[in-house]
C-alpha cells in the first residue's frame, strides 16, 4: 500500500515540454488570469500538471505575482477541480477560496511531485476523502471532486446549455465543512557549546636559598690539621611553581519535549443552493437542509 502511494508522483509531469497537448475543443488556460469570486486578481496560470497514466490534468501551477490579496510572489499548486472558467472572459476563477488558504499552500517545486507535497496541498483545502486518508492508491487519491476536470468547464457548459433550445439542469450544491491538520513550527530551543578562556590567579609561597660567605678574623697557632688542602661546597635550591590543570564536568544540560493536546472548534460559513420555482398560479421554494455550524 505504501509502495503505491510513494510511486504516485512518478505519473505527474508538466504539460509544457511533454509529448502531450490540450485536446481539441478545450481551452488552453496557460497564461490566463486567475481571479477570486469578487473579481480580484490572484495571479496567472503558469503551467498545468497532468497524470500521464490517465492523461488528465490534476493541478494548475498558479503564479501569484502581481496579486491583489497581499500574497507573497511565488508559485503554488491548485487542484484542477477547484477552478472554474469564467462564463464569458478568458479568466480562471477560484470561487470560495480565501487568501488564507492560498497563503498556507506550500511553494511549488517542479522537481517534487511526491505524496507529502500533494498531501500538504490536500490539507489546505480540507482533505480528500476516505480513500486518500487511508493512504490509498493513486486512483483513489484522485477520485475526488477536487480533481474533477468537468468542474473547470462548468460555467461554459451551462452557458452553452442556456443558449440552446434544449432542456437545462441546475445543480443544487451543498458545501460541507472539512477540517484537516498540518504541522507548523512555532519556535524551539537550541543548545550550543563553546570554549572560553578566563584569566585566574592563585597565591603560592615559594622558598629560595642563598649561600653566604662569612669571613671571621682569628689569631691562634696553626695545627697540623690546619695545614691541608680542603674543598667544601654548599648548593643553593629554589622552589618554583608547578602548574597542572584538570578539566571536570560540573553540570549536564539536556533537551526534551513535552507534548500536550487541545481541542479547538473550527467555525466557518458553508453555502447551499436554494432553488426557487416560479409558476403562474403559485411559487414553490425548495430548501436544502443546512449544515450545523
Protein backbone atom coordinates (compact mmCIF):
# COMPACT_ATOMS: atom_id res chain seq x y z
CA UNK A 1 0.00 0.00 0.00
CA UNK A 2 2.83 2.35 0.91
CA UNK A 3 4.61 1.49 -2.34
CA UNK A 4 1.63 2.61 -4.47
CA UNK A 5 1.37 5.85 -2.52
CA UNK A 6 5.07 6.63 -2.84
CA UNK A 7 5.08 5.90 -6.57
CA UNK A 8 2.14 8.18 -7.32
CA UNK A 9 4.42 11.16 -8.04
CA UNK A 10 6.14 9.35 -10.95
CA UNK A 11 2.91 9.71 -13.01
CA UNK A 12 2.78 13.51 -12.82
CA UNK A 13 4.60 15.86 -15.17
CA UNK A 14 4.35 19.33 -16.63
CA UNK A 15 2.39 19.77 -19.83
CA UNK A 16 4.98 22.17 -21.21
CA UNK A 17 7.88 20.27 -22.74
CA UNK A 18 5.98 16.95 -22.76
CA UNK A 19 4.68 14.97 -25.72
CA UNK A 20 1.08 15.91 -24.89
CA UNK A 21 -1.13 18.91 -25.67
CA UNK A 22 -4.60 20.18 -24.86
CA UNK A 23 -7.31 18.22 -26.71
CA UNK A 24 -9.26 19.88 -29.50
CA UNK A 25 -12.28 21.77 -28.31
CA UNK A 26 -10.83 22.51 -24.86
CA UNK A 27 -9.22 25.78 -23.83
CA UNK A 28 -5.51 26.02 -23.12
CA UNK A 29 -5.72 28.14 -19.99
CA UNK A 30 -1.98 28.69 -19.59
CA UNK A 31 -1.36 32.43 -19.40
CA UNK A 32 -4.95 33.19 -18.33
CA UNK A 33 -5.60 35.48 -15.35
CA UNK A 34 -6.79 33.83 -12.13
CA UNK A 35 -9.35 35.76 -10.06
CA UNK A 36 -11.45 35.21 -6.97
CA UNK A 37 -15.25 35.29 -6.91
CA UNK A 38 -15.14 39.07 -6.37
CA UNK A 39 -13.04 39.68 -9.49
CA UNK A 40 -9.82 40.44 -7.61
CA UNK A 41 -6.60 39.40 -9.34
CA UNK A 42 -4.95 36.35 -7.72
CA UNK A 43 -2.32 35.59 -10.33
CA UNK A 44 -1.82 33.74 -13.61
CA UNK A 45 -1.88 30.13 -14.80
CA UNK A 46 1.79 29.39 -15.30
CA UNK A 47 1.60 25.66 -16.16
CA UNK A 48 -0.58 22.55 -16.00
CA UNK A 49 0.41 19.31 -14.22
CA UNK A 50 -1.12 16.16 -15.67
CA UNK A 51 -1.27 12.45 -14.90
CA UNK A 52 0.50 10.62 -17.72
CA UNK A 53 -1.29 7.34 -16.99
CA UNK A 54 -4.84 8.72 -17.10
CA UNK A 55 -3.96 11.70 -19.38
CA UNK A 56 -5.91 14.01 -17.09
CA UNK A 57 -4.85 17.38 -15.71
CA UNK A 58 -4.51 17.23 -11.93
CA UNK A 59 -3.14 20.65 -10.92
CA UNK A 60 -2.83 24.26 -12.04
CA UNK A 61 0.53 25.89 -11.37
CA UNK A 62 -0.62 29.28 -10.09
CA UNK A 63 1.85 32.19 -10.25
CA UNK A 64 0.84 34.66 -7.50
CA UNK A 65 2.81 37.56 -8.96
CA UNK A 66 1.00 40.97 -9.03
CA UNK A 67 -1.93 39.68 -6.95
CA UNK A 68 -4.39 41.96 -5.17
CA UNK A 69 -4.61 39.86 -1.98
CA UNK A 70 -1.26 40.88 -0.45
CA UNK A 71 0.21 37.41 -1.07
CA UNK A 72 3.90 36.63 -1.47
CA UNK A 73 5.05 36.34 -5.09
CA UNK A 74 5.58 32.60 -5.62
CA UNK A 75 4.12 29.58 -7.42
CA UNK A 76 1.67 27.12 -5.84
CA UNK A 77 -0.39 24.10 -6.93
CA UNK A 78 -4.20 24.25 -7.07
CA UNK A 79 -6.24 21.07 -7.81
CA UNK A 80 -7.93 21.40 -11.20
CA UNK A 81 -11.44 20.70 -9.87
CA UNK A 82 -11.39 23.73 -7.59
CA UNK A 83 -11.05 26.14 -10.53
CA UNK A 84 -13.76 27.27 -12.97
CA UNK A 85 -13.58 29.12 -16.26
CA UNK A 86 -15.35 32.45 -16.43
CA UNK A 87 -18.54 32.17 -18.45
CA UNK A 88 -17.58 34.89 -20.95
CA UNK A 89 -13.97 36.04 -20.40
CA UNK A 90 -10.69 34.14 -20.65
CA UNK A 91 -10.26 34.10 -16.88
CA UNK A 92 -9.92 31.28 -14.37
CA UNK A 93 -11.98 31.67 -11.19
CA UNK A 94 -11.33 30.20 -7.73
CA UNK A 95 -14.76 30.53 -6.06
CA UNK A 96 -14.81 30.10 -2.30
CA UNK A 97 -11.01 30.08 -1.97
CA UNK A 98 -9.64 32.51 0.63
CA UNK A 99 -6.37 34.41 0.81
CA UNK A 100 -5.53 32.44 3.98
CA UNK A 101 -5.77 29.15 2.08
CA UNK A 102 -3.56 30.44 -0.73
CA UNK A 103 -1.07 31.74 1.80
CA UNK A 104 -0.97 28.33 3.52
CA UNK A 105 -0.18 26.42 0.31
CA UNK A 106 3.42 25.11 0.08
CA UNK A 107 5.60 26.64 -2.61
CA UNK A 108 5.57 24.66 -5.87
CA UNK A 109 8.76 22.70 -6.60
CA UNK A 110 8.78 21.37 -10.16
CA UNK A 111 11.16 18.56 -9.17
CA UNK A 112 8.89 17.29 -6.38
CA UNK A 113 5.55 15.57 -7.05
CA UNK A 114 5.69 13.14 -4.12
CA UNK A 115 2.98 12.09 -1.70
CA UNK A 116 3.99 14.55 1.02
CA UNK A 117 3.76 17.61 -1.23
CA UNK A 118 0.35 16.53 -2.60
CA UNK A 119 -0.99 15.84 0.89
CA UNK A 120 0.17 19.31 2.00
CA UNK A 121 -1.96 20.80 -0.79
CA UNK A 122 -4.85 18.49 0.14
CA UNK A 123 -4.79 19.54 3.79
CA UNK A 124 -5.11 23.22 2.88
CA UNK A 125 -8.36 22.52 1.05
CA UNK A 126 -9.79 20.32 3.81
CA UNK A 127 -8.82 16.73 2.91
CA UNK A 128 -9.73 14.42 0.04
CA UNK A 129 -11.99 11.73 1.45
CA UNK A 130 -11.64 8.26 2.89
CA UNK A 131 -9.51 6.76 0.10
CA UNK A 132 -6.80 9.37 0.41
CA UNK A 133 -6.90 9.50 4.18
CA UNK A 134 -6.32 5.76 4.28
CA UNK A 135 -3.20 6.14 2.13
CA UNK A 136 -4.81 4.50 -0.89
CA UNK A 137 -3.51 4.06 -4.41
CA UNK A 138 -3.10 6.84 -6.95
CA UNK A 139 -6.56 6.14 -8.44
CA UNK A 140 -8.22 6.50 -5.02
CA UNK A 141 -6.29 9.69 -4.25
CA UNK A 142 -7.62 11.48 -7.34
CA UNK A 143 -11.13 10.07 -7.03
CA UNK A 144 -12.47 13.29 -5.55
CA UNK A 145 -14.35 16.32 -6.81
CA UNK A 146 -11.22 18.47 -6.34
CA UNK A 147 -9.66 16.62 -9.29
CA UNK A 148 -12.78 16.56 -11.48
CA UNK A 149 -11.82 18.33 -14.70
CA UNK A 150 -15.51 18.81 -15.58
CA UNK A 151 -15.73 21.41 -12.82
CA UNK A 152 -13.34 23.62 -14.79
CA UNK A 153 -15.76 23.87 -17.74
CA UNK A 154 -18.96 24.03 -15.68
CA UNK A 155 -19.71 27.69 -16.47
CA UNK A 156 -19.02 27.26 -20.18
CA UNK A 157 -21.22 24.19 -20.39
CA UNK A 158 -24.00 26.00 -18.52
CA UNK A 159 -23.73 28.92 -20.95
CA UNK A 160 -23.93 26.59 -23.92
CA UNK A 161 -26.99 24.85 -22.48
CA UNK A 162 -28.72 28.17 -21.77
CA UNK A 163 -28.09 29.29 -25.34
CA UNK A 164 -29.72 26.16 -26.78
CA UNK A 165 -33.39 25.28 -27.07
CA UNK A 166 -32.89 22.01 -25.16
CA UNK A 167 -33.78 21.43 -21.52
CA UNK A 168 -31.31 22.58 -18.91
CA UNK A 169 -30.34 21.31 -15.47
CA UNK A 170 -29.49 23.43 -12.45
CA UNK A 171 -27.16 21.69 -9.99
CA UNK A 172 -28.11 22.01 -6.33
CA UNK A 173 -24.93 22.45 -4.32
CA UNK A 174 -24.35 21.90 -0.63
CA UNK A 175 -20.98 22.81 0.86
CA UNK A 176 -19.62 20.66 3.64
CA UNK A 177 -17.01 21.79 6.16
CA UNK A 178 -13.94 19.54 6.08
CA UNK A 179 -11.24 20.33 8.64
CA UNK A 180 -7.73 18.95 8.29
CA UNK A 181 -4.49 19.45 10.15
CA UNK A 182 -0.99 20.48 9.17
CA UNK A 183 2.11 20.80 11.29
CA UNK A 184 3.87 24.14 11.62
CA UNK A 185 6.91 25.24 13.62
CA UNK A 186 6.28 27.79 16.35
CA UNK A 187 9.70 28.08 17.97
CA UNK A 188 12.29 25.94 19.70
CA UNK A 189 15.46 25.90 21.80
CA UNK A 190 18.99 25.36 20.52
CA UNK A 191 21.91 24.47 22.80
CA UNK A 192 25.41 25.30 21.61
CA UNK A 193 28.71 24.84 23.47
CA UNK A 194 31.86 26.89 23.02
CA UNK A 195 35.23 27.01 24.79
CA UNK A 196 36.13 30.29 26.50
CA UNK A 197 39.34 31.20 28.37
CA UNK A 198 39.28 33.08 31.69
CA UNK A 199 42.31 34.58 33.45
CA UNK A 200 42.61 33.21 37.02
CA UNK A 201 45.18 33.88 39.78
CA UNK A 202 46.39 31.74 42.72
CA UNK A 203 48.81 32.81 45.51
CA UNK A 204 51.67 30.45 46.43
CA UNK A 205 54.62 30.74 48.89
CA UNK A 206 57.99 29.83 47.33
CA UNK A 207 61.26 29.20 49.25
CA UNK A 208 64.56 30.42 47.88
CA UNK A 209 68.08 29.60 49.27
CA UNK A 210 71.16 31.85 49.16
CA UNK A 211 74.69 30.69 50.19
CA UNK A 212 76.57 33.45 52.02
CA UNK A 213 80.31 33.69 52.61
CA UNK A 214 81.35 34.86 56.07
CA UNK A 215 84.92 35.84 56.99
CA UNK A 216 85.90 35.84 60.68
CA UNK A 217 89.27 37.25 61.86
CA UNK A 218 91.06 34.92 64.33
CA UNK A 219 94.53 34.85 65.95
CA UNK A 220 95.68 31.39 67.07
CA UNK A 221 98.52 28.97 66.46
CA UNK A 222 98.03 26.73 63.42
CA UNK A 223 97.95 23.00 63.98
CA UNK A 224 98.89 20.16 61.71
CA UNK A 225 95.26 19.72 60.71
CA UNK A 226 95.04 23.28 59.54
CA UNK A 227 97.83 22.65 57.05
CA UNK A 228 95.86 20.61 54.48
CA UNK A 229 94.10 21.06 51.17
CA UNK A 230 90.35 21.07 51.51
CA UNK A 231 87.28 21.81 49.37
CA UNK A 232 83.79 22.42 50.68
CA UNK A 233 80.63 23.02 48.69
CA UNK A 234 77.10 24.13 49.56
CA UNK A 235 74.31 24.08 46.95
CA UNK A 236 71.53 26.64 46.59
CA UNK A 237 67.94 25.42 45.98
CA UNK A 238 64.87 27.42 44.98
CA UNK A 239 61.19 26.41 44.82
CA UNK A 240 59.44 27.14 41.50
CA UNK A 241 55.66 26.96 40.79
CA UNK A 242 54.36 23.85 39.06
CA UNK A 243 51.04 24.28 37.19
CA UNK A 244 48.72 21.36 36.48
CA UNK A 245 45.15 21.70 35.07
CA UNK A 246 42.33 19.16 35.28
CA UNK A 247 39.02 19.51 33.42
CA UNK A 248 35.99 18.33 35.37
CA UNK A 249 32.31 18.04 34.37
CA UNK A 250 30.36 20.28 36.77
CA UNK A 251 26.91 20.28 35.10
CA UNK A 252 24.90 18.49 32.40
CA UNK A 253 22.19 20.20 30.29
CA UNK A 254 19.74 18.20 28.14
CA UNK A 255 16.70 18.93 25.94
CA UNK A 256 13.40 17.07 25.98
CA UNK A 257 9.95 17.74 24.57
CA UNK A 258 6.65 17.73 26.37
CA UNK A 259 3.62 17.14 24.12
CA UNK A 260 0.16 18.35 25.02
CA UNK A 261 -3.11 18.28 23.10
CA UNK A 262 -6.02 20.69 22.96
CA UNK A 263 -9.49 20.64 21.47
CA UNK A 264 -10.39 23.53 19.18
CA UNK A 265 -13.68 24.32 17.49
CA UNK A 266 -13.36 25.47 13.88
CA UNK A 267 -16.20 27.64 12.63
CA UNK A 268 -16.76 28.71 9.04
CA UNK A 269 -19.58 29.51 6.64
CA UNK A 270 -20.91 26.89 4.22
CA UNK A 271 -23.15 27.70 1.30
CA UNK A 272 -26.15 25.88 -0.12
CA UNK A 273 -28.06 26.30 -3.33
CA UNK A 274 -31.65 27.35 -2.83
CA UNK A 275 -33.89 26.79 -5.86
CA UNK A 276 -36.93 29.00 -6.44
CA UNK A 277 -39.55 27.62 -8.84
CA UNK A 278 -41.99 30.15 -10.30
CA UNK A 279 -45.37 29.06 -11.67
CA UNK A 280 -48.24 31.18 -12.92
CA UNK A 281 -50.56 30.14 -10.10
CA UNK A 282 -48.16 29.93 -7.17
CA UNK A 283 -44.49 29.95 -6.03
CA UNK A 284 -42.79 26.90 -4.53
CA UNK A 285 -39.49 27.21 -2.61
CA UNK A 286 -37.21 24.20 -2.14
CA UNK A 287 -34.68 24.49 0.68
CA UNK A 288 -31.89 22.02 1.37
CA UNK A 289 -31.00 21.33 5.00
CA UNK A 290 -28.12 23.49 6.13
CA UNK A 291 -25.04 22.03 7.80
CA UNK A 292 -24.74 22.64 11.50
CA UNK A 293 -22.34 25.45 12.46
